[in-house]
Amino acid sequence: MRHLALSLAVLLALAAPFAASAQAGVPTPSEDFRPPADNHPLPPPRPWAQLSADEKDILSPLAKDWDTFPPQRQSRMLDKAQRWRGLPPERRTEIRERIAHWQQMTPEERAQARRNQQKFNDLTPEQRQKLHDAFERFRSLPPEQRHALVEQWRNQTPEQRHQALDHLGPNDALPPPPPPRDR
């Protein structure tokens, strides 16, 4: 029971940063405009038609809204596109998958992900490390064990979940030891 509670709590708590990082990768058109600092002049707008083919490819999710963005936001997005070029292909794939997942979430799911991200940010560095370690242990479990733990968690009452979280041990998400071999 304790294994399930820790594993699922960790999984849920750490899913928020992933969703939030996917959100940060492609901001929505409703993102607030932030005025430039006094000592930095406002960059000139760059219409979509004037972007390079590489920039258009990287920024394609923003194509329909690009020309409506304030110049400073366009500049930030172009900076992100520049960093994107330097990422290894597997990291790009991972980020694209997170963005796609974020885009498929309902507004309620996104709001919950943001709340979970804030809870994670409010943890101490030690708590974050402990949570990260538990999540890695959960992730190392075979898929069948992870699925069983998730199902067990779902079948608990809120009170059982709370009690399980209050009584976690350092190895609760570790897989059981292998059975002894007969010689």
C-alpha atoms as a PDB file:
ATOM      1  CA  MET A   1       0.000   0.000   0.000  1.00  0.00           C
ATOM      2  CA  ARG A   2       2.800   2.412   0.905  1.00  0.00           C
ATOM      3  CA  HIS A   3       4.625   1.627  -2.315  1.00  0.00           C
ATOM      4  CA  LEU A   4       1.608   2.602  -4.344  1.00  0.00           C
ATOM      5  CA  ALA A   5       0.966   5.806  -2.463  1.00  0.00           C
ATOM      6  CA  LEU A   6       4.500   7.076  -2.829  1.00  0.00           C
ATOM      7  CA  SER A   7       4.787   6.047  -6.427  1.00  0.00           C
ATOM      8  CA  LEU A   8       1.594   7.669  -7.540  1.00  0.00           C
ATOM      9  CA  ALA A   9       2.139  10.792  -5.485  1.00  0.00           C
ATOM     10  CA  VAL A  10       5.552  11.178  -6.989  1.00  0.00           C
ATOM     11  CA  LEU A  11       4.264  10.519 -10.477  1.00  0.00           C
ATOM     12  CA  LEU A  12       1.513  13.106 -10.126  1.00  0.00           C
ATOM     13  CA  ALA A  13       3.704  15.697  -8.481  1.00  0.00           C
ATOM     14  CA  LEU A  14       6.432  15.381 -11.058  1.00  0.00           C
ATOM     15  CA  ALA A  15       4.079  15.350 -14.010  1.00  0.00           C
ATOM     16  CA  ALA A  16       3.327  19.011 -13.378  1.00  0.00           C
ATOM     17  CA  PRO A  17       6.838  20.263 -14.082  1.00  0.00           C
ATOM     18  CA  PHE A  18       6.839  18.354 -17.347  1.00  0.00           C
ATOM     19  CA  ALA A  19       3.544  19.840 -18.371  1.00  0.00           C
ATOM     20  CA  ALA A  20       4.669  23.264 -17.283  1.00  0.00           C
ATOM     21  CA  SER A  21       7.902  22.941 -19.244  1.00  0.00           C
ATOM     22  CA  ALA A  22       5.873  21.945 -22.286  1.00  0.00           C
ATOM     23  CA  GLN A  23       3.743  25.036 -21.748  1.00  0.00           C
ATOM     24  CA  ALA A  24       6.824  27.205 -21.528  1.00  0.00           C
ATOM     25  CA  GLY A  25       8.022  25.790 -24.849  1.00  0.00           C
ATOM     26  CA  VAL A  26       5.080  27.192 -26.806  1.00  0.00           C
ATOM     27  CA  PRO A  27       3.335  30.043 -25.010  1.00  0.00           C
ATOM     28  CA  THR A  28      -0.242  30.801 -25.816  1.00  0.00           C
ATOM     29  CA  PRO A  29      -1.191  33.924 -27.779  1.00  0.00           C
ATOM     30  CA  SER A  30      -2.851  35.332 -24.654  1.00  0.00           C
ATOM     31  CA  GLU A  31       0.476  35.623 -22.816  1.00  0.00           C
ATOM     32  CA  ASP A  32       0.736  39.059 -21.223  1.00  0.00           C
ATOM     33  CA  PHE A  33       2.960  41.602 -22.908  1.00  0.00           C
ATOM     34  CA  ARG A  34       5.819  42.698 -20.723  1.00  0.00           C
ATOM     35  CA  PRO A  35       7.195  46.170 -21.462  1.00  0.00           C
ATOM     36  CA  PRO A  36      10.914  46.302 -22.197  1.00  0.00           C
ATOM     37  CA  ALA A  37      13.389  47.531 -19.629  1.00  0.00           C
ATOM     38  CA  ASP A  38      14.177  51.231 -19.923  1.00  0.00           C
ATOM     39  CA  ASN A  39      17.682  50.594 -21.196  1.00  0.00           C
ATOM     40  CA  HIS A  40      16.687  48.100 -23.926  1.00  0.00           C
ATOM     41  CA  PRO A  41      15.000  49.458 -27.043  1.00  0.00           C
ATOM     42  CA  LEU A  42      11.978  47.632 -28.393  1.00  0.00           C
ATOM     43  CA  PRO A  43      13.007  45.320 -31.252  1.00  0.00           C
ATOM     44  CA  PRO A  44      11.291  45.949 -34.592  1.00  0.00           C
ATOM     45  CA  PRO A  45       8.488  43.539 -35.506  1.00  0.00           C
ATOM     46  CA  ARG A  46       9.381  40.679 -37.854  1.00  0.00           C
ATOM     47  CA  PRO A  47       6.476  39.556 -40.009  1.00  0.00           C
ATOM     48  CA  TRP A  48       6.140  35.806 -40.533  1.00  0.00           C
ATOM     49  CA  ALA A  49       6.994  36.219 -44.216  1.00  0.00           C
ATOM     50  CA  GLN A  50      10.429  37.626 -43.297  1.00  0.00           C
ATOM     51  CA  LEU A  51      11.487  34.690 -41.110  1.00  0.00           C
ATOM     52  CA  SER A  52      13.986  32.172 -42.466  1.00  0.00           C
ATOM     53  CA  ALA A  53      12.806  28.702 -43.464  1.00  0.00           C
ATOM     54  CA  ASP A  54      14.547  27.269 -40.377  1.00  0.00           C
ATOM     55  CA  GLU A  55      12.855  29.790 -38.064  1.00  0.00           C
ATOM     56  CA  LYS A  56       9.476  29.079 -39.668  1.00  0.00           C
ATOM     57  CA  ASP A  57       9.990  25.337 -39.179  1.00  0.00           C
ATOM     58  CA  ILE A  58      10.860  25.703 -35.502  1.00  0.00           C
ATOM     59  CA  LEU A  59       8.144  28.289 -34.809  1.00  0.00           C
ATOM     60  CA  SER A  60       5.454  26.620 -36.944  1.00  0.00           C
ATOM     61  CA  PRO A  61       3.049  26.094 -33.990  1.00  0.00           C
ATOM     62  CA  LEU A  62       2.911  29.898 -33.720  1.00  0.00           C
ATOM     63  CA  ALA A  63       2.476  30.634 -37.441  1.00  0.00           C
ATOM     64  CA  LYS A  64      -1.167  31.712 -37.396  1.00  0.00           C
ATOM     65  CA  ASP A  65      -0.626  34.117 -34.480  1.00  0.00           C
ATOM     66  CA  TRP A  66       2.922  35.318 -35.185  1.00  0.00           C
ATOM     67  CA  ASP A  67       2.046  38.617 -36.815  1.00  0.00           C
ATOM     68  CA  THR A  68      -0.186  39.554 -33.865  1.00  0.00           C
ATOM     69  CA  PHE A  69       2.618  39.164 -31.287  1.00  0.00           C
ATOM     70  CA  PRO A  70       4.273  42.297 -29.891  1.00  0.00           C
ATOM     71  CA  PRO A  71       7.863  42.755 -31.114  1.00  0.00           C
ATOM     72  CA  GLN A  72       9.356  41.875 -27.743  1.00  0.00           C
ATOM     73  CA  ARG A  73       7.509  38.541 -27.691  1.00  0.00           C
ATOM     74  CA  GLN A  74       8.626  37.806 -31.230  1.00  0.00           C
ATOM     75  CA  SER A  75      12.176  38.497 -30.110  1.00  0.00           C
ATOM     76  CA  ARG A  76      11.850  36.103 -27.151  1.00  0.00           C
ATOM     77  CA  MET A  77      10.460  33.402 -29.419  1.00  0.00           C
ATOM     78  CA  LEU A  78      13.302  33.882 -31.882  1.00  0.00           C
ATOM     79  CA  ASP A  79      15.779  33.539 -28.994  1.00  0.00           C
ATOM     80  CA  LYS A  80      14.106  30.275 -27.982  1.00  0.00           C
ATOM     81  CA  ALA A  81      14.262  29.064 -31.579  1.00  0.00           C
ATOM     82  CA  GLN A  82      18.007  29.749 -31.546  1.00  0.00           C
ATOM     83  CA  ARG A  83      18.419  27.623 -28.386  1.00  0.00           C
ATOM     84  CA  TRP A  84      16.245  24.926 -29.969  1.00  0.00           C
ATOM     85  CA  ARG A  85      18.763  24.549 -32.811  1.00  0.00           C
ATOM     86  CA  GLY A  86      21.417  23.518 -30.292  1.00  0.00           C
ATOM     87  CA  LEU A  87      19.375  20.732 -28.670  1.00  0.00           C
ATOM     88  CA  PRO A  88      20.067  17.077 -29.503  1.00  0.00           C
ATOM     89  CA  PRO A  89      17.350  15.411 -31.636  1.00  0.00           C
ATOM     90  CA  GLU A  90      16.127  13.166 -28.784  1.00  0.00           C
ATOM     91  CA  ARG A  91      15.593  16.207 -26.537  1.00  0.00           C
ATOM     92  CA  ARG A  92      13.658  17.948 -29.320  1.00  0.00           C
ATOM     93  CA  THR A  93      11.443  14.877 -29.679  1.00  0.00           C
ATOM     94  CA  GLU A  94      10.818  14.789 -25.932  1.00  0.00           C
ATOM     95  CA  ILE A  95       9.853  18.472 -25.866  1.00  0.00           C
ATOM     96  CA  ARG A  96       7.536  18.098 -28.874  1.00  0.00           C
ATOM     97  CA  GLU A  97       5.770  15.198 -27.151  1.00  0.00           C
ATOM     98  CA  ARG A  98       5.294  17.272 -23.999  1.00  0.00           C
ATOM     99  CA  ILE A  99       3.934  20.184 -26.017  1.00  0.00           C
ATOM    100  CA  ALA A 100       1.507  17.883 -27.835  1.00  0.00           C
ATOM    101  CA  HIS A 101       0.367  16.437 -24.508  1.00  0.00           C
ATOM    102  CA  TRP A 102      -0.116  19.933 -23.059  1.00  0.00           C
ATOM    103  CA  GLN A 103      -2.168  21.008 -26.060  1.00  0.00           C
ATOM    104  CA  GLN A 104      -4.485  18.009 -25.618  1.00  0.00           C
ATOM    105  CA  MET A 105      -5.146  18.799 -21.959  1.00  0.00           C
ATOM    106  CA  THR A 106      -8.389  20.423 -20.891  1.00  0.00           C
ATOM    107  CA  PRO A 107      -8.271  23.867 -19.246  1.00  0.00           C
ATOM    108  CA  GLU A 108      -8.973  22.178 -15.894  1.00  0.00           C
ATOM    109  CA  GLU A 109      -6.078  19.747 -16.375  1.00  0.00           C
ATOM    110  CA  ARG A 110      -3.775  22.624 -17.295  1.00  0.00           C
ATOM    111  CA  ALA A 111      -4.869  24.554 -14.203  1.00  0.00           C
ATOM    112  CA  GLN A 112      -4.173  21.493 -12.043  1.00  0.00           C
ATOM    113  CA  ALA A 113      -0.757  21.093 -13.675  1.00  0.00           C
ATOM    114  CA  ARG A 114       0.034  24.731 -12.892  1.00  0.00           C
ATOM    115  CA  ARG A 115      -1.038  24.245  -9.256  1.00  0.00           C
ATOM    116  CA  ASN A 116       1.130  21.114  -9.015  1.00  0.00           C
ATOM    117  CA  GLN A 117       4.059  23.021 -10.525  1.00  0.00           C
ATOM    118  CA  GLN A 118       3.623  25.733  -7.901  1.00  0.00           C
ATOM    119  CA  LYS A 119       3.533  23.125  -5.127  1.00  0.00           C
ATOM    120  CA  PHE A 120       6.741  21.625  -6.501  1.00  0.00           C
ATOM    121  CA  ASN A 121       8.373  25.062  -6.659  1.00  0.00           C
ATOM    122  CA  ASP A 122       7.391  25.683  -3.028  1.00  0.00           C
ATOM    123  CA  LEU A 123       9.278  22.574  -1.826  1.00  0.00           C
ATOM    124  CA  THR A 124      12.683  22.862  -0.225  1.00  0.00           C
ATOM    125  CA  PRO A 125      15.641  21.633  -2.304  1.00  0.00           C
ATOM    126  CA  GLU A 126      15.848  18.561  -0.051  1.00  0.00           C
ATOM    127  CA  GLN A 127      12.165  17.777  -0.583  1.00  0.00           C
ATOM    128  CA  ARG A 128      12.550  18.203  -4.333  1.00  0.00           C
ATOM    129  CA  GLN A 129      15.508  15.824  -4.369  1.00  0.00           C
ATOM    130  CA  LYS A 130      13.609  13.257  -2.317  1.00  0.00           C
ATOM    131  CA  LEU A 131      10.655  13.537  -4.668  1.00  0.00           C
ATOM    132  CA  HIS A 132      12.908  13.276  -7.713  1.00  0.00           C
ATOM    133  CA  ASP A 133      14.602  10.158  -6.319  1.00  0.00           C
ATOM    134  CA  ALA A 134      11.259   8.527  -5.557  1.00  0.00           C
ATOM    135  CA  PHE A 135      10.015   9.337  -9.058  1.00  0.00           C
ATOM    136  CA  GLU A 136      13.130   7.793 -10.594  1.00  0.00           C
ATOM    137  CA  ARG A 137      12.577   4.641  -8.518  1.00  0.00           C
ATOM    138  CA  PHE A 138       8.970   4.544  -9.695  1.00  0.00           C
ATOM    139  CA  ARG A 139      10.050   5.054 -13.299  1.00  0.00           C
ATOM    140  CA  SER A 140      12.522   2.175 -13.013  1.00  0.00           C
ATOM    141  CA  LEU A 141       9.767  -0.282 -12.137  1.00  0.00           C
ATOM    142  CA  PRO A 142       8.552  -2.652 -14.842  1.00  0.00           C
ATOM    143  CA  PRO A 143       5.428  -1.314 -16.619  1.00  0.00           C
ATOM    144  CA  GLU A 144       3.225  -3.980 -15.027  1.00  0.00           C
ATOM    145  CA  GLN A 145       4.270  -2.942 -11.533  1.00  0.00           C
ATOM    146  CA  ARG A 146       3.769   0.744 -12.292  1.00  0.00           C
ATOM    147  CA  HIS A 147       0.312   0.043 -13.694  1.00  0.00           C
ATOM    148  CA  ALA A 148      -0.597  -2.068 -10.655  1.00  0.00           C
ATOM    149  CA  LEU A 149       0.530   0.702  -8.303  1.00  0.00           C
ATOM    150  CA  VAL A 150      -1.481   3.308 -10.206  1.00  0.00           C
ATOM    151  CA  GLU A 151      -4.586   1.115 -10.095  1.00  0.00           C
ATOM    152  CA  GLN A 152      -4.103   0.444  -6.401  1.00  0.00           C
ATOM    153  CA  TRP A 153      -3.783   4.205  -5.788  1.00  0.00           C
ATOM    154  CA  ARG A 154      -6.949   4.919  -7.759  1.00  0.00           C
ATOM    155  CA  ASN A 155      -8.876   2.402  -5.671  1.00  0.00           C
ATOM    156  CA  GLN A 156      -7.921   4.061  -2.377  1.00  0.00           C
ATOM    157  CA  THR A 157     -10.102   6.542  -0.593  1.00  0.00           C
ATOM    158  CA  PRO A 158      -8.751  10.077  -0.122  1.00  0.00           C
ATOM    159  CA  GLU A 159      -8.197   9.279   3.550  1.00  0.00           C
ATOM    160  CA  GLN A 160      -6.165   6.168   2.696  1.00  0.00           C
ATOM    161  CA  ARG A 161      -4.075   8.171   0.238  1.00  0.00           C
ATOM    162  CA  HIS A 162      -3.395  10.900   2.808  1.00  0.00           C
ATOM    163  CA  GLN A 163      -2.452   8.341   5.468  1.00  0.00           C
ATOM    164  CA  ALA A 164      -0.143   6.530   3.044  1.00  0.00           C
ATOM    165  CA  LEU A 165       1.616   9.772   2.130  1.00  0.00           C
ATOM    166  CA  ASP A 166       2.146  10.573   5.801  1.00  0.00           C
ATOM    167  CA  HIS A 167       3.912   7.243   6.405  1.00  0.00           C
ATOM    168  CA  LEU A 168       6.324   6.991   3.488  1.00  0.00           C
ATOM    169  CA  GLY A 169       9.690   5.366   3.840  1.00  0.00           C
ATOM    170  CA  PRO A 170      12.821   6.081   1.800  1.00  0.00           C
ATOM    171  CA  ASN A 171      12.514   2.890  -0.258  1.00  0.00           C
ATOM    172  CA  ASP A 172       8.764   2.749  -0.841  1.00  0.00           C
ATOM    173  CA  ALA A 173       8.974   3.012  -4.616  1.00  0.00           C
ATOM    174  CA  LEU A 174      11.719   0.438  -4.989  1.00  0.00           C
ATOM    175  CA  PRO A 175      10.836  -2.801  -6.750  1.00  0.00           C
ATOM    176  CA  PRO A 176      10.770  -5.902  -4.566  1.00  0.00           C
ATOM    177  CA  PRO A 177      13.933  -7.987  -4.525  1.00  0.00           C
ATOM    178  CA  PRO A 178      14.118 -10.798  -7.079  1.00  0.00           C
ATOM    179  CA  PRO A 179      12.933 -14.208  -5.878  1.00  0.00           C
ATOM    180  CA  PRO A 180      15.702 -16.533  -4.611  1.00  0.00           C
ATOM    181  CA  ARG A 181      17.044 -18.977  -7.152  1.00  0.00           C
ATOM    182  CA  ASP A 182      16.764 -22.705  -6.499  1.00  0.00           C
ATOM    183  CA  ARG A 183      20.105 -24.450  -6.964  1.00  0.00           C
END
